C-alpha atoms as a PDB file:
ATOM      1  CA  MET A   1     -24.438 -27.028  24.464  1.00  0.00           C
ATOM      2  CA  LEU A   2     -22.408 -27.615  21.299  1.00  0.00           C
ATOM      3  CA  GLY A   3     -21.774 -23.805  20.808  1.00  0.00           C
ATOM      4  CA  GLU A   4     -24.927 -23.232  19.189  1.00  0.00           C
ATOM      5  CA  THR A   5     -27.410 -20.564  19.943  1.00  0.00           C
ATOM      6  CA  PHE A   6     -30.834 -21.729  21.336  1.00  0.00           C
ATOM      7  CA  VAL A   7     -33.826 -19.665  20.468  1.00  0.00           C
ATOM      8  CA  PRO A   8     -37.413 -20.875  21.589  1.00  0.00           C
ATOM      9  CA  ALA A   9     -39.339 -22.164  18.633  1.00  0.00           C
ATOM     10  CA  ASN A  10     -42.409 -20.143  19.647  1.00  0.00           C
ATOM     11  CA  LEU A  11     -40.343 -16.814  19.499  1.00  0.00           C
ATOM     12  CA  LEU A  12     -39.036 -17.733  15.916  1.00  0.00           C
ATOM     13  CA  PHE A  13     -42.337 -18.765  14.623  1.00  0.00           C
ATOM     14  CA  ALA A  14     -43.872 -15.323  15.881  1.00  0.00           C
ATOM     15  CA  ALA A  15     -41.030 -13.491  14.290  1.00  0.00           C
ATOM     16  CA  PHE A  16     -41.411 -15.617  10.936  1.00  0.00           C
ATOM     17  CA  GLY A  17     -45.194 -15.028  11.042  1.00  0.00           C
ATOM     18  CA  ALA A  18     -44.901 -11.225  11.621  1.00  0.00           C
ATOM     19  CA  ALA A  19     -42.327 -10.972   8.704  1.00  0.00           C
ATOM     20  CA  SER A  20     -44.331 -13.079   6.269  1.00  0.00           C
ATOM     21  CA  ARG A  21     -47.333 -10.740   6.785  1.00  0.00           C
ATOM     22  CA  TYR A  22     -45.328  -7.921   5.130  1.00  0.00           C
ATOM     23  CA  GLN A  23     -44.086  -9.853   2.247  1.00  0.00           C
ATOM     24  CA  GLN A  24     -46.174  -9.443  -0.910  1.00  0.00           C
ATOM     25  CA  PRO A  25     -46.140 -11.918  -3.722  1.00  0.00           C
ATOM     26  CA  LYS A  26     -44.593 -10.714  -6.971  1.00  0.00           C
ATOM     27  CA  PRO A  27     -47.260 -10.308  -9.674  1.00  0.00           C
ATOM     28  CA  GLY A  28     -47.481 -13.316 -12.016  1.00  0.00           C
ATOM     29  CA  ALA A  29     -45.496 -15.436  -9.452  1.00  0.00           C
ATOM     30  CA  PRO A  30     -46.832 -18.983  -8.952  1.00  0.00           C
ATOM     31  CA  VAL A  31     -48.642 -19.482  -5.682  1.00  0.00           C
ATOM     32  CA  ALA A  32     -48.781 -23.033  -4.216  1.00  0.00           C
ATOM     33  CA  LEU A  33     -52.024 -23.355  -2.167  1.00  0.00           C
ATOM     34  CA  ILE A  34     -51.859 -26.383   0.152  1.00  0.00           C
ATOM     35  CA  PRO A  35     -54.208 -26.777   3.173  1.00  0.00           C
ATOM     36  CA  VAL A  36     -52.143 -26.566   6.345  1.00  0.00           C
ATOM     37  CA  ASN A  37     -53.538 -29.906   7.711  1.00  0.00           C
ATOM     38  CA  ASP A  38     -53.417 -31.922   4.487  1.00  0.00           C
ATOM     39  CA  PHE A  39     -50.264 -33.872   5.344  1.00  0.00           C
ATOM     40  CA  ALA A  40     -50.487 -36.006   2.073  1.00  0.00           C
ATOM     41  CA  ALA A  41     -50.485 -32.856  -0.248  1.00  0.00           C
ATOM     42  CA  VAL A  42     -47.633 -31.387   1.623  1.00  0.00           C
ATOM     43  CA  ALA A  43     -45.586 -34.489   1.544  1.00  0.00           C
ATOM     44  CA  THR A  44     -45.995 -35.072  -2.206  1.00  0.00           C
ATOM     45  CA  ALA A  45     -45.021 -31.383  -2.672  1.00  0.00           C
ATOM     46  CA  ASN A  46     -41.851 -31.823  -0.524  1.00  0.00           C
ATOM     47  CA  LYS A  47     -40.931 -35.374  -1.201  1.00  0.00           C
ATOM     48  CA  LEU A  48     -41.263 -36.392   2.278  1.00  0.00           C
ATOM     49  CA  SER A  49     -43.572 -39.413   3.202  1.00  0.00           C
ATOM     50  CA  ARG A  50     -46.870 -38.743   5.031  1.00  0.00           C
ATOM     51  CA  ARG A  51     -45.566 -39.942   8.312  1.00  0.00           C
ATOM     52  CA  LYS A  52     -42.359 -37.904   8.010  1.00  0.00           C
ATOM     53  CA  THR A  53     -44.490 -34.864   7.220  1.00  0.00           C
ATOM     54  CA  GLN A  54     -46.651 -35.515  10.268  1.00  0.00           C
ATOM     55  CA  ILE A  55     -43.461 -35.701  12.414  1.00  0.00           C
ATOM     56  CA  VAL A  56     -41.990 -32.509  11.061  1.00  0.00           C
ATOM     57  CA  HIS A  57     -45.280 -30.815  11.779  1.00  0.00           C
ATOM     58  CA  CYS A  58     -45.030 -32.006  15.399  1.00  0.00           C
ATOM     59  CA  LEU A  59     -41.480 -30.751  15.519  1.00  0.00           C
ATOM     60  CA  THR A  60     -42.831 -27.233  14.528  1.00  0.00           C
ATOM     61  CA  GLN A  61     -45.076 -27.350  17.467  1.00  0.00           C
ATOM     62  CA  GLY A  62     -42.025 -28.149  19.896  1.00  0.00           C
ATOM     63  CA  GLY A  63     -42.827 -31.765  20.623  1.00  0.00           C
ATOM     64  CA  SER A  64     -40.232 -34.159  22.079  1.00  0.00           C
ATOM     65  CA  ASN A  65     -39.726 -37.557  20.783  1.00  0.00           C
ATOM     66  CA  LYS A  66     -41.885 -38.983  23.398  1.00  0.00           C
ATOM     67  CA  LEU A  67     -44.811 -36.684  22.761  1.00  0.00           C
ATOM     68  CA  ILE A  68     -44.666 -37.152  18.973  1.00  0.00           C
ATOM     69  CA  ALA A  69     -44.661 -40.942  19.522  1.00  0.00           C
ATOM     70  CA  ARG A  70     -47.819 -40.748  21.805  1.00  0.00           C
ATOM     71  CA  GLU A  71     -49.636 -38.478  19.319  1.00  0.00           C
ATOM     72  CA  LEU A  72     -49.011 -40.541  16.408  1.00  0.00           C
ATOM     73  CA  GLY A  73     -49.088 -44.001  18.133  1.00  0.00           C
ATOM     74  CA  LEU A  74     -45.388 -44.929  17.410  1.00  0.00           C
ATOM     75  CA  ALA A  75     -42.567 -46.126  19.423  1.00  0.00           C
ATOM     76  CA  GLU A  76     -40.063 -43.478  20.479  1.00  0.00           C
ATOM     77  CA  ALA A  77     -37.331 -45.190  18.600  1.00  0.00           C
ATOM     78  CA  THR A  78     -39.453 -45.151  15.380  1.00  0.00           C
ATOM     79  CA  VAL A  79     -39.803 -41.368  15.820  1.00  0.00           C
ATOM     80  CA  LYS A  80     -35.995 -41.058  16.461  1.00  0.00           C
ATOM     81  CA  VAL A  81     -35.268 -42.975  13.186  1.00  0.00           C
ATOM     82  CA  HIS A  82     -37.717 -40.756  11.209  1.00  0.00           C
ATOM     83  CA  ILE A  83     -36.197 -37.577  12.696  1.00  0.00           C
ATOM     84  CA  LYS A  84     -32.704 -38.902  11.717  1.00  0.00           C
ATOM     85  CA  SER A  85     -33.894 -39.560   8.064  1.00  0.00           C
ATOM     86  CA  ILE A  86     -35.790 -36.128   7.932  1.00  0.00           C
ATOM     87  CA  LEU A  87     -32.460 -34.338   8.972  1.00  0.00           C
ATOM     88  CA  ARG A  88     -30.524 -36.030   6.187  1.00  0.00           C
ATOM     89  CA  LYS A  89     -33.098 -35.509   3.511  1.00  0.00           C
ATOM     90  CA  ILE A  90     -33.368 -31.747   4.287  1.00  0.00           C
ATOM     91  CA  LYS A  91     -29.643 -31.370   5.207  1.00  0.00           C
ATOM     92  CA  ALA A  92     -30.480 -30.019   8.604  1.00  0.00           C
ATOM     93  CA  THR A  93     -28.162 -30.521  11.598  1.00  0.00           C
ATOM     94  CA  ASN A  94     -30.812 -30.339  14.422  1.00  0.00           C
ATOM     95  CA  ARG A  95     -34.395 -30.377  15.190  1.00  0.00           C
ATOM     96  CA  THR A  96     -34.536 -26.494  15.260  1.00  0.00           C
ATOM     97  CA  GLN A  97     -33.270 -26.163  11.865  1.00  0.00           C
ATOM     98  CA  ALA A  98     -35.725 -28.837  10.639  1.00  0.00           C
ATOM     99  CA  ALA A  99     -38.712 -26.935  12.228  1.00  0.00           C
ATOM    100  CA  MET A 100     -37.380 -23.647  10.639  1.00  0.00           C
ATOM    101  CA  TRP A 101     -37.235 -25.461   7.282  1.00  0.00           C
ATOM    102  CA  ALA A 102     -40.667 -26.806   7.632  1.00  0.00           C
ATOM    103  CA  SER A 103     -42.083 -23.458   8.515  1.00  0.00           C
ATOM    104  CA  GLU A 104     -40.469 -21.908   5.390  1.00  0.00           C
ATOM    105  CA  GLN A 105     -41.060 -24.804   2.909  1.00  0.00           C
ATOM    106  CA  MET A 106     -44.064 -26.544   4.025  1.00  0.00           C
ATOM    107  CA  ASN A 107     -46.087 -23.581   5.571  1.00  0.00           C
ATOM    108  CA  LEU A 108     -46.861 -25.819   8.653  1.00  0.00           C
ATOM    109  CA  ALA A 109     -46.346 -23.082  11.205  1.00  0.00           C
END
C-alpha cells in the first residue's frame, strides 16, 4: 500500500528457519541459550519489558492487535501503544520488520 513489498510471515520464517539450519557457529563464539518461552529472560537480554516481549512474540505469530489483546487480556489501544513503543525502540518502520527483528534477535520464531 505504501510502496512496500508484502511477504507472508510464515514464508519468511520458513526461509529463515531453513537458512539457520545450515549456519554453523564459529568455534569459540559465545552462544546465548535462552528458552523460547522464557519471556522474562528474553526481555532482559534485549532490553524490552516482559509485556513488550510477549507482544513481539505474538507479532511473530502473525497476530492482529485484536488477537494479541484477547490473548494477553489487554485493551486493543494498549497493544497499539506497546507496538508503537516497540517499533521506536528497535527502529523498525512496520510490524513485519519488528517480527523479522524478533526472529533474528530474540530467537522467538
